[in-house]
N, C-alpha and C. Protein backbone atom coordinates (compact mmCIF):
# COMPACT_ATOMS: atom_id res chain seq x y z
N UNK A 1 -8.90 -47.19 3.53
CA UNK A 1 -9.73 -46.02 3.37
C UNK A 1 -9.54 -45.35 2.02
N UNK A 2 -8.27 -45.14 1.63
CA UNK A 2 -7.98 -44.47 0.35
C UNK A 2 -8.47 -45.32 -0.82
N UNK A 3 -8.15 -46.61 -0.81
CA UNK A 3 -8.52 -47.50 -1.91
C UNK A 3 -10.04 -47.58 -2.06
N UNK A 4 -10.72 -47.70 -0.94
CA UNK A 4 -12.19 -47.82 -0.97
C UNK A 4 -12.83 -46.56 -1.54
N UNK A 5 -12.39 -45.40 -1.03
CA UNK A 5 -12.98 -44.14 -1.48
C UNK A 5 -12.60 -43.81 -2.92
N UNK A 6 -11.35 -44.06 -3.29
CA UNK A 6 -10.92 -43.76 -4.67
C UNK A 6 -11.68 -44.62 -5.68
N UNK A 7 -12.02 -45.86 -5.29
CA UNK A 7 -12.79 -46.73 -6.18
C UNK A 7 -14.17 -46.15 -6.46
N UNK A 8 -14.76 -45.50 -5.45
CA UNK A 8 -16.08 -44.88 -5.60
C UNK A 8 -16.01 -43.59 -6.42
N UNK A 9 -14.86 -42.92 -6.39
CA UNK A 9 -14.73 -41.61 -7.04
C UNK A 9 -14.16 -41.68 -8.45
N UNK A 10 -13.66 -42.84 -8.84
CA UNK A 10 -13.09 -43.00 -10.19
C UNK A 10 -14.21 -42.99 -11.23
N UNK A 11 -13.99 -42.26 -12.33
CA UNK A 11 -15.03 -42.18 -13.36
C UNK A 11 -15.05 -43.43 -14.23
N UNK A 12 -15.95 -43.44 -15.22
CA UNK A 12 -16.14 -44.62 -16.08
C UNK A 12 -14.89 -44.97 -16.90
N UNK A 13 -14.03 -43.97 -17.12
CA UNK A 13 -12.81 -44.19 -17.90
C UNK A 13 -11.63 -44.58 -17.01
N UNK A 14 -11.87 -44.68 -15.72
CA UNK A 14 -10.81 -45.07 -14.79
C UNK A 14 -9.96 -43.92 -14.32
N UNK A 15 -10.44 -42.68 -14.56
CA UNK A 15 -9.68 -41.49 -14.15
C UNK A 15 -10.12 -40.98 -12.78
N UNK A 16 -9.17 -40.42 -12.06
CA UNK A 16 -9.44 -39.85 -10.74
C UNK A 16 -8.87 -38.44 -10.72
N UNK A 17 -9.74 -37.43 -10.56
CA UNK A 17 -9.29 -36.04 -10.58
C UNK A 17 -8.42 -35.75 -9.35
N UNK A 18 -7.66 -34.67 -9.42
CA UNK A 18 -6.79 -34.30 -8.30
C UNK A 18 -7.59 -34.05 -7.03
N UNK A 19 -8.76 -33.37 -7.17
CA UNK A 19 -9.60 -33.09 -6.00
C UNK A 19 -10.11 -34.39 -5.39
N UNK A 20 -10.58 -35.30 -6.23
CA UNK A 20 -11.08 -36.59 -5.73
C UNK A 20 -9.97 -37.43 -5.13
N UNK A 21 -8.78 -37.34 -5.72
CA UNK A 21 -7.62 -38.08 -5.19
C UNK A 21 -7.26 -37.56 -3.80
N UNK A 22 -7.30 -36.22 -3.65
CA UNK A 22 -7.02 -35.60 -2.35
C UNK A 22 -8.09 -35.98 -1.33
N UNK A 23 -9.35 -35.96 -1.77
CA UNK A 23 -10.45 -36.29 -0.86
C UNK A 23 -10.35 -37.75 -0.40
N UNK A 24 -10.01 -38.64 -1.33
CA UNK A 24 -9.84 -40.05 -0.98
C UNK A 24 -8.70 -40.21 0.02
N UNK A 25 -7.63 -39.46 -0.20
CA UNK A 25 -6.50 -39.49 0.73
C UNK A 25 -6.89 -39.00 2.11
N UNK A 26 -7.66 -37.91 2.14
CA UNK A 26 -8.12 -37.36 3.42
C UNK A 26 -9.00 -38.36 4.17
N UNK A 27 -9.84 -39.08 3.43
CA UNK A 27 -10.68 -40.12 4.05
C UNK A 27 -9.83 -41.24 4.65
N UNK A 28 -8.79 -41.60 3.92
CA UNK A 28 -7.86 -42.61 4.42
C UNK A 28 -7.15 -42.12 5.68
N UNK A 29 -6.75 -40.85 5.67
CA UNK A 29 -6.08 -40.26 6.83
C UNK A 29 -6.99 -40.20 8.05
N UNK A 30 -8.26 -39.86 7.81
CA UNK A 30 -9.26 -39.82 8.90
C UNK A 30 -9.41 -41.21 9.52
N UNK A 31 -9.51 -42.21 8.67
CA UNK A 31 -9.69 -43.59 9.15
C UNK A 31 -8.52 -44.05 9.99
N UNK A 32 -7.30 -43.81 9.51
CA UNK A 32 -6.13 -44.28 10.26
C UNK A 32 -5.94 -43.48 11.55
N UNK A 33 -6.33 -42.20 11.54
CA UNK A 33 -6.21 -41.37 12.76
C UNK A 33 -7.12 -41.90 13.86
N UNK A 34 -8.35 -42.27 13.49
CA UNK A 34 -9.33 -42.72 14.49
C UNK A 34 -9.04 -44.14 14.97
N UNK A 35 -8.73 -45.03 14.05
CA UNK A 35 -8.62 -46.45 14.42
C UNK A 35 -7.21 -46.92 14.80
N UNK A 36 -6.18 -46.14 14.48
CA UNK A 36 -4.83 -46.61 14.79
C UNK A 36 -3.90 -45.54 15.36
N UNK A 37 -3.77 -44.43 14.67
CA UNK A 37 -2.72 -43.47 15.01
C UNK A 37 -2.91 -42.81 16.37
N UNK A 38 -4.12 -42.32 16.66
CA UNK A 38 -4.32 -41.57 17.91
C UNK A 38 -4.00 -42.37 19.16
N UNK A 39 -4.58 -43.56 19.37
CA UNK A 39 -4.24 -44.29 20.59
C UNK A 39 -2.76 -44.68 20.68
N UNK A 40 -2.16 -45.06 19.55
CA UNK A 40 -0.74 -45.46 19.55
C UNK A 40 0.15 -44.26 19.84
N UNK A 41 -0.16 -43.12 19.21
CA UNK A 41 0.62 -41.91 19.44
C UNK A 41 0.46 -41.41 20.88
N UNK A 42 -0.74 -41.57 21.43
CA UNK A 42 -0.97 -41.17 22.83
C UNK A 42 -0.08 -41.99 23.75
N UNK A 43 -0.06 -43.29 23.55
CA UNK A 43 0.79 -44.16 24.38
C UNK A 43 2.26 -43.78 24.24
N UNK A 44 2.70 -43.60 23.01
CA UNK A 44 4.10 -43.26 22.77
C UNK A 44 4.48 -41.95 23.45
N UNK A 45 3.62 -40.94 23.29
CA UNK A 45 3.90 -39.62 23.86
C UNK A 45 3.88 -39.66 25.39
N UNK A 46 2.89 -40.36 25.96
CA UNK A 46 2.78 -40.42 27.41
C UNK A 46 3.98 -41.13 28.05
N UNK A 47 4.38 -42.25 27.45
CA UNK A 47 5.52 -43.01 27.99
C UNK A 47 6.81 -42.22 27.83
N UNK A 48 7.01 -41.60 26.67
CA UNK A 48 8.20 -40.79 26.44
C UNK A 48 8.25 -39.60 27.40
N UNK A 49 7.11 -38.94 27.56
CA UNK A 49 7.01 -37.79 28.46
C UNK A 49 7.31 -38.22 29.90
N UNK A 50 6.80 -39.38 30.28
CA UNK A 50 7.02 -39.91 31.63
C UNK A 50 8.50 -40.18 31.88
N UNK A 51 9.17 -40.75 30.89
CA UNK A 51 10.61 -41.03 31.01
C UNK A 51 11.42 -39.74 31.05
N UNK A 52 11.03 -38.78 30.22
CA UNK A 52 11.76 -37.49 30.17
C UNK A 52 11.66 -36.74 31.49
N UNK A 53 10.47 -36.77 32.10
CA UNK A 53 10.25 -36.06 33.35
C UNK A 53 10.69 -36.85 34.58
N UNK A 54 10.96 -38.14 34.40
CA UNK A 54 11.41 -38.97 35.50
C UNK A 54 10.34 -39.27 36.54
N UNK A 55 9.07 -39.21 36.13
CA UNK A 55 7.97 -39.42 37.08
C UNK A 55 7.67 -40.89 37.34
N UNK A 56 8.15 -41.77 36.48
CA UNK A 56 8.02 -43.23 36.65
C UNK A 56 6.58 -43.69 36.90
N UNK A 57 5.65 -43.11 36.15
CA UNK A 57 4.25 -43.53 36.26
C UNK A 57 4.00 -44.84 35.52
N UNK A 58 4.81 -45.10 34.48
CA UNK A 58 4.60 -46.29 33.66
C UNK A 58 5.89 -47.10 33.52
N UNK A 59 5.73 -48.41 33.45
CA UNK A 59 6.89 -49.28 33.23
C UNK A 59 7.08 -49.59 31.75
N UNK A 60 6.08 -49.25 30.95
CA UNK A 60 6.14 -49.49 29.51
C UNK A 60 4.82 -49.17 28.85
N UNK A 61 4.73 -49.47 27.56
CA UNK A 61 3.52 -49.13 26.80
C UNK A 61 2.29 -49.89 27.28
N UNK A 62 2.45 -51.18 27.58
CA UNK A 62 1.30 -51.98 28.03
C UNK A 62 0.80 -51.47 29.38
N UNK A 63 1.74 -51.16 30.27
CA UNK A 63 1.38 -50.62 31.59
C UNK A 63 0.66 -49.28 31.43
N UNK A 64 1.16 -48.45 30.53
CA UNK A 64 0.53 -47.15 30.26
C UNK A 64 -0.88 -47.34 29.72
N UNK A 65 -1.04 -48.29 28.80
CA UNK A 65 -2.35 -48.58 28.21
C UNK A 65 -3.35 -48.97 29.31
N UNK A 66 -2.95 -49.88 30.19
CA UNK A 66 -3.84 -50.36 31.24
C UNK A 66 -4.19 -49.26 32.23
N UNK A 67 -3.20 -48.45 32.60
CA UNK A 67 -3.44 -47.38 33.58
C UNK A 67 -4.30 -46.25 33.01
N UNK A 68 -4.04 -45.88 31.78
CA UNK A 68 -4.84 -44.83 31.14
C UNK A 68 -6.28 -45.30 31.00
N UNK A 69 -6.45 -46.54 30.58
CA UNK A 69 -7.80 -47.10 30.40
C UNK A 69 -8.53 -47.16 31.75
N UNK A 70 -7.83 -47.53 32.81
CA UNK A 70 -8.43 -47.65 34.13
C UNK A 70 -8.76 -46.29 34.74
N UNK A 71 -7.82 -45.35 34.64
CA UNK A 71 -7.98 -44.05 35.31
C UNK A 71 -8.74 -43.00 34.51
N UNK A 72 -8.66 -43.09 33.18
CA UNK A 72 -9.26 -42.05 32.34
C UNK A 72 -10.32 -42.57 31.39
N UNK A 73 -10.41 -43.90 31.28
CA UNK A 73 -11.35 -44.47 30.34
C UNK A 73 -10.82 -44.42 28.91
N UNK A 74 -11.58 -44.95 27.94
CA UNK A 74 -11.15 -44.95 26.53
C UNK A 74 -10.82 -43.55 26.00
N UNK A 75 -11.50 -42.53 26.53
CA UNK A 75 -11.25 -41.15 26.05
C UNK A 75 -9.83 -40.71 26.33
N UNK A 76 -9.20 -41.31 27.35
CA UNK A 76 -7.81 -40.96 27.66
C UNK A 76 -6.87 -41.32 26.54
N UNK A 77 -7.18 -42.39 25.83
CA UNK A 77 -6.35 -42.81 24.69
C UNK A 77 -6.59 -41.94 23.47
N UNK A 78 -7.70 -41.19 23.49
CA UNK A 78 -8.06 -40.36 22.34
C UNK A 78 -7.88 -38.87 22.59
N UNK A 79 -7.09 -38.54 23.60
CA UNK A 79 -6.76 -37.13 23.81
C UNK A 79 -5.90 -36.67 22.63
N UNK A 80 -6.24 -35.55 22.06
CA UNK A 80 -5.50 -35.07 20.89
C UNK A 80 -6.01 -35.64 19.58
N UNK A 81 -7.22 -36.22 19.61
CA UNK A 81 -7.74 -36.84 18.39
C UNK A 81 -8.03 -35.81 17.29
N UNK A 82 -8.45 -34.61 17.68
CA UNK A 82 -8.78 -33.58 16.68
C UNK A 82 -7.55 -33.17 15.87
N UNK A 83 -6.43 -32.76 16.53
CA UNK A 83 -5.25 -32.42 15.72
C UNK A 83 -4.66 -33.62 15.00
N UNK A 84 -4.86 -34.83 15.54
CA UNK A 84 -4.36 -36.03 14.86
C UNK A 84 -5.13 -36.27 13.58
N UNK A 85 -6.46 -36.12 13.64
CA UNK A 85 -7.28 -36.25 12.44
C UNK A 85 -6.88 -35.19 11.41
N UNK A 86 -6.69 -33.95 11.89
CA UNK A 86 -6.29 -32.86 10.99
C UNK A 86 -4.95 -33.17 10.34
N UNK A 87 -4.01 -33.70 11.13
CA UNK A 87 -2.68 -34.00 10.60
C UNK A 87 -2.73 -35.15 9.60
N UNK A 88 -3.35 -36.27 9.98
CA UNK A 88 -3.37 -37.44 9.11
C UNK A 88 -4.18 -37.22 7.84
N UNK A 89 -5.30 -36.50 7.96
CA UNK A 89 -6.11 -36.22 6.78
C UNK A 89 -5.35 -35.34 5.80
N UNK A 90 -4.69 -34.31 6.33
CA UNK A 90 -3.89 -33.42 5.47
C UNK A 90 -2.72 -34.18 4.88
N UNK A 91 -2.06 -35.00 5.70
CA UNK A 91 -0.95 -35.82 5.21
C UNK A 91 -1.32 -36.58 3.95
N UNK A 92 -2.39 -37.36 4.05
CA UNK A 92 -2.76 -38.25 2.94
C UNK A 92 -3.41 -37.49 1.80
N UNK A 93 -4.09 -36.39 2.11
CA UNK A 93 -4.68 -35.57 1.04
C UNK A 93 -3.59 -34.96 0.17
N UNK A 94 -2.41 -34.76 0.75
CA UNK A 94 -1.28 -34.19 0.01
C UNK A 94 -0.43 -35.28 -0.63
N UNK A 95 -0.19 -36.35 0.12
CA UNK A 95 0.76 -37.38 -0.34
C UNK A 95 0.33 -38.09 -1.61
N UNK A 96 -0.92 -38.54 -1.67
CA UNK A 96 -1.34 -39.33 -2.83
C UNK A 96 -1.32 -38.52 -4.13
N UNK A 97 -1.88 -37.30 -4.16
CA UNK A 97 -1.79 -36.52 -5.40
C UNK A 97 -0.34 -36.13 -5.74
N UNK A 98 0.46 -35.77 -4.73
CA UNK A 98 1.85 -35.38 -4.98
C UNK A 98 2.63 -36.55 -5.56
N UNK A 99 2.45 -37.72 -4.98
CA UNK A 99 3.14 -38.91 -5.48
C UNK A 99 2.72 -39.22 -6.92
N UNK A 100 1.42 -39.11 -7.18
CA UNK A 100 0.88 -39.41 -8.52
C UNK A 100 1.42 -38.44 -9.56
N UNK A 101 1.39 -37.14 -9.26
CA UNK A 101 1.82 -36.15 -10.26
C UNK A 101 3.33 -36.10 -10.40
N UNK A 102 4.07 -36.43 -9.35
CA UNK A 102 5.53 -36.53 -9.49
C UNK A 102 5.88 -37.70 -10.41
N UNK A 103 5.14 -38.81 -10.27
CA UNK A 103 5.36 -39.97 -11.13
C UNK A 103 5.07 -39.62 -12.59
N UNK A 104 4.01 -38.86 -12.81
CA UNK A 104 3.68 -38.45 -14.18
C UNK A 104 4.78 -37.55 -14.76
N UNK A 105 5.29 -36.64 -13.92
CA UNK A 105 6.35 -35.72 -14.35
C UNK A 105 7.64 -36.49 -14.66
N UNK A 106 7.98 -37.46 -13.82
CA UNK A 106 9.23 -38.19 -13.97
C UNK A 106 9.17 -39.29 -15.03
N UNK A 107 7.99 -39.89 -15.17
CA UNK A 107 7.89 -41.07 -16.04
C UNK A 107 7.09 -40.85 -17.32
N UNK A 108 6.26 -39.81 -17.35
CA UNK A 108 5.40 -39.60 -18.51
C UNK A 108 4.45 -40.76 -18.71
N UNK A 109 4.40 -41.29 -19.93
CA UNK A 109 3.52 -42.43 -20.23
C UNK A 109 4.27 -43.76 -20.25
N UNK A 110 5.51 -43.74 -19.78
CA UNK A 110 6.33 -44.95 -19.78
C UNK A 110 5.85 -45.90 -18.67
N UNK A 111 5.14 -46.94 -19.06
CA UNK A 111 4.56 -47.89 -18.11
C UNK A 111 5.64 -48.64 -17.32
N UNK A 112 6.77 -48.90 -18.00
CA UNK A 112 7.85 -49.62 -17.34
C UNK A 112 8.44 -48.81 -16.18
N UNK A 113 8.62 -47.51 -16.43
CA UNK A 113 9.12 -46.62 -15.38
C UNK A 113 8.09 -46.47 -14.26
N UNK A 114 6.81 -46.40 -14.64
CA UNK A 114 5.74 -46.23 -13.65
C UNK A 114 5.70 -47.41 -12.68
N UNK A 115 6.10 -48.59 -13.17
CA UNK A 115 6.09 -49.78 -12.32
C UNK A 115 7.40 -49.97 -11.56
N UNK A 116 8.38 -49.12 -11.86
CA UNK A 116 9.69 -49.23 -11.23
C UNK A 116 9.63 -48.81 -9.75
N UNK A 117 10.02 -49.69 -8.83
CA UNK A 117 9.97 -49.35 -7.40
C UNK A 117 10.81 -48.12 -7.03
N UNK A 118 11.92 -47.92 -7.73
CA UNK A 118 12.79 -46.77 -7.43
C UNK A 118 12.07 -45.46 -7.67
N UNK A 119 11.40 -45.35 -8.83
CA UNK A 119 10.63 -44.13 -9.13
C UNK A 119 9.49 -43.94 -8.12
N UNK A 120 8.84 -45.04 -7.78
CA UNK A 120 7.77 -44.97 -6.79
C UNK A 120 8.30 -44.50 -5.44
N UNK A 121 9.46 -45.02 -5.07
CA UNK A 121 10.06 -44.62 -3.79
C UNK A 121 10.46 -43.16 -3.76
N UNK A 122 11.06 -42.68 -4.86
CA UNK A 122 11.45 -41.27 -4.94
C UNK A 122 10.23 -40.36 -4.88
N UNK A 123 9.18 -40.75 -5.59
CA UNK A 123 7.94 -39.96 -5.58
C UNK A 123 7.33 -39.95 -4.18
N UNK A 124 7.39 -41.08 -3.49
CA UNK A 124 6.89 -41.16 -2.12
C UNK A 124 7.67 -40.27 -1.18
N UNK A 125 9.00 -40.24 -1.35
CA UNK A 125 9.85 -39.39 -0.50
C UNK A 125 9.51 -37.92 -0.69
N UNK A 126 9.30 -37.51 -1.94
CA UNK A 126 8.91 -36.12 -2.23
C UNK A 126 7.56 -35.82 -1.58
N UNK A 127 6.61 -36.73 -1.75
CA UNK A 127 5.27 -36.54 -1.17
C UNK A 127 5.34 -36.45 0.34
N UNK A 128 6.17 -37.27 0.96
CA UNK A 128 6.33 -37.22 2.41
C UNK A 128 6.89 -35.90 2.88
N UNK A 129 7.90 -35.40 2.17
CA UNK A 129 8.50 -34.11 2.53
C UNK A 129 7.52 -32.95 2.42
N UNK A 130 6.75 -32.95 1.35
CA UNK A 130 5.75 -31.88 1.14
C UNK A 130 4.69 -31.93 2.24
N UNK A 131 4.27 -33.14 2.61
CA UNK A 131 3.22 -33.27 3.62
C UNK A 131 3.69 -32.79 4.99
N UNK A 132 4.97 -32.94 5.28
CA UNK A 132 5.52 -32.47 6.57
C UNK A 132 5.36 -30.96 6.70
N UNK A 133 5.68 -30.23 5.65
CA UNK A 133 5.57 -28.77 5.68
C UNK A 133 4.13 -28.31 5.95
N UNK A 134 3.18 -29.09 5.46
CA UNK A 134 1.77 -28.72 5.62
C UNK A 134 1.18 -29.14 6.97
N UNK A 135 1.87 -30.06 7.66
CA UNK A 135 1.25 -30.62 8.87
C UNK A 135 2.05 -30.40 10.16
N UNK A 136 3.13 -29.65 10.09
CA UNK A 136 3.91 -29.42 11.31
C UNK A 136 3.09 -28.77 12.43
N UNK A 137 2.28 -27.73 12.15
CA UNK A 137 1.49 -27.13 13.24
C UNK A 137 0.56 -28.15 13.92
N UNK A 138 -0.13 -28.96 13.11
CA UNK A 138 -1.04 -29.97 13.67
C UNK A 138 -0.26 -30.99 14.51
N UNK A 139 0.94 -31.36 14.04
CA UNK A 139 1.74 -32.34 14.76
C UNK A 139 2.22 -31.79 16.10
N UNK A 140 2.61 -30.51 16.10
CA UNK A 140 3.06 -29.86 17.33
C UNK A 140 1.94 -29.82 18.36
N UNK A 141 0.75 -29.43 17.92
CA UNK A 141 -0.42 -29.36 18.82
C UNK A 141 -0.78 -30.77 19.31
N UNK A 142 -0.76 -31.74 18.41
CA UNK A 142 -1.07 -33.12 18.77
C UNK A 142 -0.15 -33.62 19.87
N UNK A 143 1.15 -33.37 19.72
CA UNK A 143 2.13 -33.83 20.71
C UNK A 143 1.89 -33.19 22.07
N UNK A 144 1.58 -31.90 22.06
CA UNK A 144 1.28 -31.21 23.33
C UNK A 144 0.02 -31.76 23.98
N UNK A 145 -1.00 -32.00 23.16
CA UNK A 145 -2.29 -32.47 23.70
C UNK A 145 -2.22 -33.89 24.25
N UNK A 146 -1.22 -34.65 23.80
CA UNK A 146 -1.10 -36.04 24.25
C UNK A 146 -0.09 -36.21 25.38
N UNK A 147 0.50 -35.10 25.83
CA UNK A 147 1.48 -35.14 26.91
C UNK A 147 0.84 -35.43 28.26
N UNK A 148 1.68 -35.77 29.25
CA UNK A 148 1.21 -36.14 30.58
C UNK A 148 0.45 -35.00 31.27
N UNK A 149 0.87 -33.74 31.05
CA UNK A 149 0.27 -32.62 31.76
C UNK A 149 -0.79 -31.88 30.95
N UNK A 150 -1.13 -32.41 29.77
CA UNK A 150 -2.05 -31.71 28.87
C UNK A 150 -3.39 -31.39 29.51
N UNK A 151 -3.90 -32.33 30.30
CA UNK A 151 -5.22 -32.14 30.92
C UNK A 151 -5.22 -30.96 31.88
N UNK A 152 -4.08 -30.72 32.53
CA UNK A 152 -3.96 -29.61 33.47
C UNK A 152 -3.67 -28.29 32.78
N UNK A 153 -2.96 -28.37 31.64
CA UNK A 153 -2.50 -27.15 30.98
C UNK A 153 -3.47 -26.57 29.95
N UNK A 154 -4.23 -27.43 29.28
CA UNK A 154 -5.05 -26.96 28.16
C UNK A 154 -6.52 -27.37 28.31
N UNK A 155 -7.39 -26.47 27.90
CA UNK A 155 -8.83 -26.75 27.93
C UNK A 155 -9.26 -27.57 26.72
N UNK A 156 -8.49 -27.49 25.67
CA UNK A 156 -8.82 -28.21 24.45
C UNK A 156 -7.82 -27.88 23.37
N UNK A 157 -8.09 -28.35 22.15
CA UNK A 157 -7.17 -28.17 21.02
C UNK A 157 -6.92 -26.70 20.70
N UNK A 158 -7.98 -25.91 20.61
CA UNK A 158 -7.82 -24.49 20.27
C UNK A 158 -7.07 -23.74 21.36
N UNK A 159 -7.35 -24.07 22.62
CA UNK A 159 -6.65 -23.42 23.74
C UNK A 159 -5.16 -23.74 23.69
N UNK A 160 -4.83 -24.98 23.35
CA UNK A 160 -3.44 -25.38 23.21
C UNK A 160 -2.75 -24.58 22.11
N UNK A 161 -3.41 -24.47 20.95
CA UNK A 161 -2.86 -23.71 19.82
C UNK A 161 -2.65 -22.25 20.19
N UNK A 162 -3.63 -21.66 20.88
CA UNK A 162 -3.53 -20.25 21.26
C UNK A 162 -2.41 -20.02 22.28
N UNK A 163 -2.24 -20.95 23.20
CA UNK A 163 -1.19 -20.80 24.20
C UNK A 163 0.21 -20.91 23.58
N UNK A 164 0.36 -21.83 22.63
CA UNK A 164 1.64 -21.95 21.92
C UNK A 164 1.93 -20.67 21.16
N UNK A 165 0.91 -20.15 20.47
CA UNK A 165 1.07 -18.92 19.70
C UNK A 165 1.45 -17.75 20.60
N UNK A 166 0.80 -17.66 21.75
CA UNK A 166 1.02 -16.54 22.68
C UNK A 166 2.36 -16.64 23.40
N UNK A 167 2.68 -17.83 23.89
CA UNK A 167 3.86 -17.99 24.74
C UNK A 167 5.16 -18.31 24.02
N UNK A 168 5.03 -18.98 22.86
CA UNK A 168 6.25 -19.41 22.17
C UNK A 168 6.38 -18.87 20.75
N UNK A 169 5.31 -18.27 20.24
CA UNK A 169 5.37 -17.65 18.93
C UNK A 169 5.04 -18.61 17.80
N UNK A 170 4.69 -18.09 16.63
CA UNK A 170 4.26 -18.92 15.50
C UNK A 170 5.33 -19.88 14.98
N UNK A 171 6.60 -19.51 15.10
CA UNK A 171 7.66 -20.36 14.56
C UNK A 171 7.82 -21.66 15.35
N UNK A 172 7.31 -21.66 16.59
CA UNK A 172 7.42 -22.88 17.39
C UNK A 172 6.62 -24.03 16.78
N UNK A 173 5.57 -23.68 16.03
CA UNK A 173 4.79 -24.72 15.36
C UNK A 173 5.64 -25.52 14.38
N UNK A 174 6.76 -24.93 13.94
CA UNK A 174 7.63 -25.60 12.97
C UNK A 174 8.94 -26.08 13.59
N UNK A 175 9.00 -26.11 14.92
CA UNK A 175 10.20 -26.64 15.59
C UNK A 175 10.33 -28.13 15.28
N UNK A 176 11.53 -28.53 14.91
CA UNK A 176 11.77 -29.94 14.59
C UNK A 176 11.36 -30.34 13.19
N UNK A 177 11.19 -29.38 12.30
CA UNK A 177 10.75 -29.69 10.92
C UNK A 177 11.74 -30.59 10.20
N UNK A 178 13.04 -30.26 10.24
CA UNK A 178 14.02 -31.02 9.46
C UNK A 178 14.14 -32.48 9.90
N UNK A 179 14.27 -32.76 11.22
CA UNK A 179 14.31 -34.18 11.62
C UNK A 179 13.07 -34.95 11.19
N UNK A 180 11.89 -34.30 11.36
CA UNK A 180 10.65 -34.99 10.98
C UNK A 180 10.57 -35.17 9.47
N UNK A 181 11.06 -34.18 8.71
CA UNK A 181 11.02 -34.29 7.25
C UNK A 181 11.89 -35.45 6.77
N UNK A 182 13.07 -35.58 7.37
CA UNK A 182 13.96 -36.68 6.99
C UNK A 182 13.31 -38.03 7.31
N UNK A 183 12.76 -38.13 8.53
CA UNK A 183 12.14 -39.39 8.96
C UNK A 183 10.94 -39.75 8.09
N UNK A 184 10.05 -38.78 7.87
CA UNK A 184 8.83 -39.05 7.11
C UNK A 184 9.14 -39.33 5.64
N UNK A 185 10.08 -38.58 5.06
CA UNK A 185 10.45 -38.81 3.66
C UNK A 185 10.98 -40.23 3.46
N UNK A 186 11.82 -40.68 4.38
CA UNK A 186 12.33 -42.05 4.30
C UNK A 186 11.22 -43.06 4.51
N UNK A 187 10.37 -42.78 5.48
CA UNK A 187 9.25 -43.68 5.81
C UNK A 187 8.31 -43.85 4.60
N UNK A 188 7.85 -42.73 4.06
CA UNK A 188 6.90 -42.77 2.94
C UNK A 188 7.59 -43.29 1.67
N UNK A 189 8.85 -42.89 1.47
CA UNK A 189 9.60 -43.36 0.31
C UNK A 189 9.74 -44.88 0.30
N UNK A 190 10.09 -45.44 1.45
CA UNK A 190 10.24 -46.90 1.56
C UNK A 190 8.90 -47.60 1.37
N UNK A 191 7.83 -47.00 1.92
CA UNK A 191 6.49 -47.58 1.77
C UNK A 191 6.09 -47.67 0.30
N UNK A 192 6.27 -46.57 -0.43
CA UNK A 192 5.91 -46.56 -1.85
C UNK A 192 6.86 -47.42 -2.69
N UNK A 193 8.09 -47.59 -2.21
CA UNK A 193 9.04 -48.46 -2.92
C UNK A 193 8.64 -49.92 -2.78
N UNK A 194 8.24 -50.31 -1.57
CA UNK A 194 7.90 -51.71 -1.29
C UNK A 194 6.55 -52.10 -1.88
N UNK A 195 5.60 -51.15 -1.91
CA UNK A 195 4.23 -51.47 -2.33
C UNK A 195 4.15 -52.14 -3.70
N UNK A 196 4.80 -51.60 -4.77
CA UNK A 196 4.69 -52.28 -6.08
C UNK A 196 5.36 -53.66 -6.08
N UNK A 197 6.37 -53.84 -5.23
CA UNK A 197 7.02 -55.15 -5.15
C UNK A 197 6.07 -56.18 -4.53
N UNK A 198 5.40 -55.77 -3.45
CA UNK A 198 4.45 -56.67 -2.79
C UNK A 198 3.23 -56.96 -3.66
N UNK A 199 2.83 -55.95 -4.46
CA UNK A 199 1.65 -56.10 -5.32
C UNK A 199 1.82 -57.24 -6.33
N UNK A 200 3.06 -57.53 -6.69
CA UNK A 200 3.32 -58.61 -7.67
C UNK A 200 3.01 -59.98 -7.09
N UNK A 201 3.08 -60.07 -5.76
CA UNK A 201 2.93 -61.38 -5.12
C UNK A 201 1.65 -61.51 -4.31
N UNK A 202 0.78 -60.51 -4.38
CA UNK A 202 -0.44 -60.53 -3.58
C UNK A 202 -1.67 -60.34 -4.46
């Protein structure tokens, strides 16, 4: 998604403005949220929630997939799609420009440094950390909306957000920030570190 959109937005000189870079990232985030992240995250959350509550509704992810599809239809796998789209679009809209400008700050015009996987990895880790701060509220709502009892507890995404705000306060949207920041920073850092290495052979 990002590569396709950025190719369309790049000018004749090969430049991509920060706004266009962010927009291309958001398009990539939207694509991954719809086609991959939402159904996978729904399965993960439902199975984890089932194990935590001890309800034993599912024996595993495949069993959960089959039961959700049978009992709720395809829409059951897409519960929480709105906050997931918001989270993934914001994630990528922030990560790509942050990674790019951190690389410029750290490497300047040094092409050798720009191609160095270590610099790319460090820039990715910074971008991942920044994106976590911007997307914690969306992630919190997404997790609630994909839980086993979400259908009974919430009328929709906005109702879920309002209930969290009313019952647990605004700071609850940022519960678990540090663990997620560490995980995402490592995840994105490793991704950006590996990408230039793979590019040499593909």
